[in-house]
Amino acid sequence: MCMPHGGGSRSNGYIEINKVKKHIQKVSQEQFEKGDPNFIDERKNEYVPKKKKAFFSFFE
């Protein structure tokens, strides 16, 4: 929204609300390198990437 050069002394009714800043705490370098000792892997099965097929194999 543009403000005219002569204007600006009147209030437009907008009230700025101070929001709480969200901050993610940094992990230590040791924990970053070695991993979390309390981590529990809850995955049911291992990740296996899908095998890519050739384009012309779809026409067979």
C-alpha atoms as a PDB file:
ATOM      1  CA  MET A   1       0.000   0.000   0.000  1.00  0.00           C
ATOM      2  CA  CYS A   2       1.473   3.320  -1.031  1.00  0.00           C
ATOM      3  CA  MET A   3       1.528   6.337   1.226  1.00  0.00           C
ATOM      4  CA  PRO A   4       1.273   9.810  -0.287  1.00  0.00           C
ATOM      5  CA  HIS A   5       4.203  12.179   0.239  1.00  0.00           C
ATOM      6  CA  GLY A   6       2.204  14.647   2.331  1.00  0.00           C
ATOM      7  CA  GLY A   7       0.381  12.034   4.392  1.00  0.00           C
ATOM      8  CA  GLY A   8       1.458   9.845   7.245  1.00  0.00           C
ATOM      9  CA  SER A   9       0.382  11.774  10.307  1.00  0.00           C
ATOM     10  CA  ARG A  10      -3.044  10.083  10.468  1.00  0.00           C
ATOM     11  CA  SER A  11      -3.385   6.594  11.911  1.00  0.00           C
ATOM     12  CA  ASN A  12      -4.945   3.970   9.651  1.00  0.00           C
ATOM     13  CA  GLY A  13      -6.052   1.819  12.600  1.00  0.00           C
ATOM     14  CA  TYR A  14      -3.391  -0.868  12.080  1.00  0.00           C
ATOM     15  CA  ILE A  15      -2.074  -2.264  15.358  1.00  0.00           C
ATOM     16  CA  GLU A  16       1.178  -4.236  15.185  1.00  0.00           C
ATOM     17  CA  ILE A  17       1.105  -7.386  17.289  1.00  0.00           C
ATOM     18  CA  ASN A  18       4.424  -8.586  18.645  1.00  0.00           C
ATOM     19  CA  LYS A  19       4.669 -12.284  17.801  1.00  0.00           C
ATOM     20  CA  VAL A  20       6.709 -14.749  19.794  1.00  0.00           C
ATOM     21  CA  LYS A  21       9.790 -15.699  17.810  1.00  0.00           C
ATOM     22  CA  LYS A  22      10.135 -19.417  17.176  1.00  0.00           C
ATOM     23  CA  HIS A  23      13.670 -20.578  17.831  1.00  0.00           C
ATOM     24  CA  ILE A  24      15.067 -24.045  17.268  1.00  0.00           C
ATOM     25  CA  GLN A  25      17.843 -24.795  19.702  1.00  0.00           C
ATOM     26  CA  LYS A  26      21.176 -25.743  18.105  1.00  0.00           C
ATOM     27  CA  VAL A  27      22.588 -29.156  18.963  1.00  0.00           C
ATOM     28  CA  SER A  28      26.141 -29.573  20.166  1.00  0.00           C
ATOM     29  CA  GLN A  29      28.830 -30.571  17.666  1.00  0.00           C
ATOM     30  CA  GLU A  30      29.403 -33.887  19.489  1.00  0.00           C
ATOM     31  CA  GLN A  31      25.731 -34.840  19.315  1.00  0.00           C
ATOM     32  CA  PHE A  32      25.621 -33.762  15.664  1.00  0.00           C
ATOM     33  CA  GLU A  33      28.532 -36.053  14.768  1.00  0.00           C
ATOM     34  CA  LYS A  34      27.658 -39.079  16.940  1.00  0.00           C
ATOM     35  CA  GLY A  35      23.863 -38.878  16.949  1.00  0.00           C
ATOM     36  CA  ASP A  36      21.314 -38.860  19.724  1.00  0.00           C
ATOM     37  CA  PRO A  37      22.030 -41.621  22.288  1.00  0.00           C
ATOM     38  CA  ASN A  38      18.329 -41.777  23.277  1.00  0.00           C
ATOM     39  CA  PHE A  39      17.067 -42.224  19.697  1.00  0.00           C
ATOM     40  CA  ILE A  40      14.746 -45.197  19.145  1.00  0.00           C
ATOM     41  CA  ASP A  41      14.196 -46.295  15.553  1.00  0.00           C
ATOM     42  CA  GLU A  42      10.447 -46.980  15.232  1.00  0.00           C
ATOM     43  CA  ARG A  43      10.377 -47.847  11.545  1.00  0.00           C
ATOM     44  CA  LYS A  44       8.664 -51.114  10.671  1.00  0.00           C
ATOM     45  CA  ASN A  45      10.877 -52.038   7.717  1.00  0.00           C
ATOM     46  CA  GLU A  46      14.022 -50.791   6.021  1.00  0.00           C
ATOM     47  CA  TYR A  47      13.967 -48.284   3.196  1.00  0.00           C
ATOM     48  CA  VAL A  48      14.468 -49.986  -0.150  1.00  0.00           C
ATOM     49  CA  PRO A  49      14.579 -47.670  -3.169  1.00  0.00           C
ATOM     50  CA  LYS A  50      12.363 -48.631  -6.092  1.00  0.00           C
ATOM     51  CA  LYS A  51      14.121 -50.089  -9.092  1.00  0.00           C
ATOM     52  CA  LYS A  52      13.944 -47.745 -12.067  1.00  0.00           C
ATOM     53  CA  LYS A  53      12.642 -49.264 -15.268  1.00  0.00           C
ATOM     54  CA  ALA A  54      13.777 -48.367 -18.732  1.00  0.00           C
ATOM     55  CA  PHE A  55      11.377 -46.310 -20.833  1.00  0.00           C
ATOM     56  CA  PHE A  56      10.928 -48.949 -23.554  1.00  0.00           C
ATOM     57  CA  SER A  57      10.195 -51.745 -21.062  1.00  0.00           C
ATOM     58  CA  PHE A  58       6.682 -50.261 -20.628  1.00  0.00           C
ATOM     59  CA  PHE A  59       5.803 -51.198 -24.243  1.00  0.00           C
ATOM     60  CA  GLU A  60       6.554 -54.905 -23.850  1.00  0.00           C
END
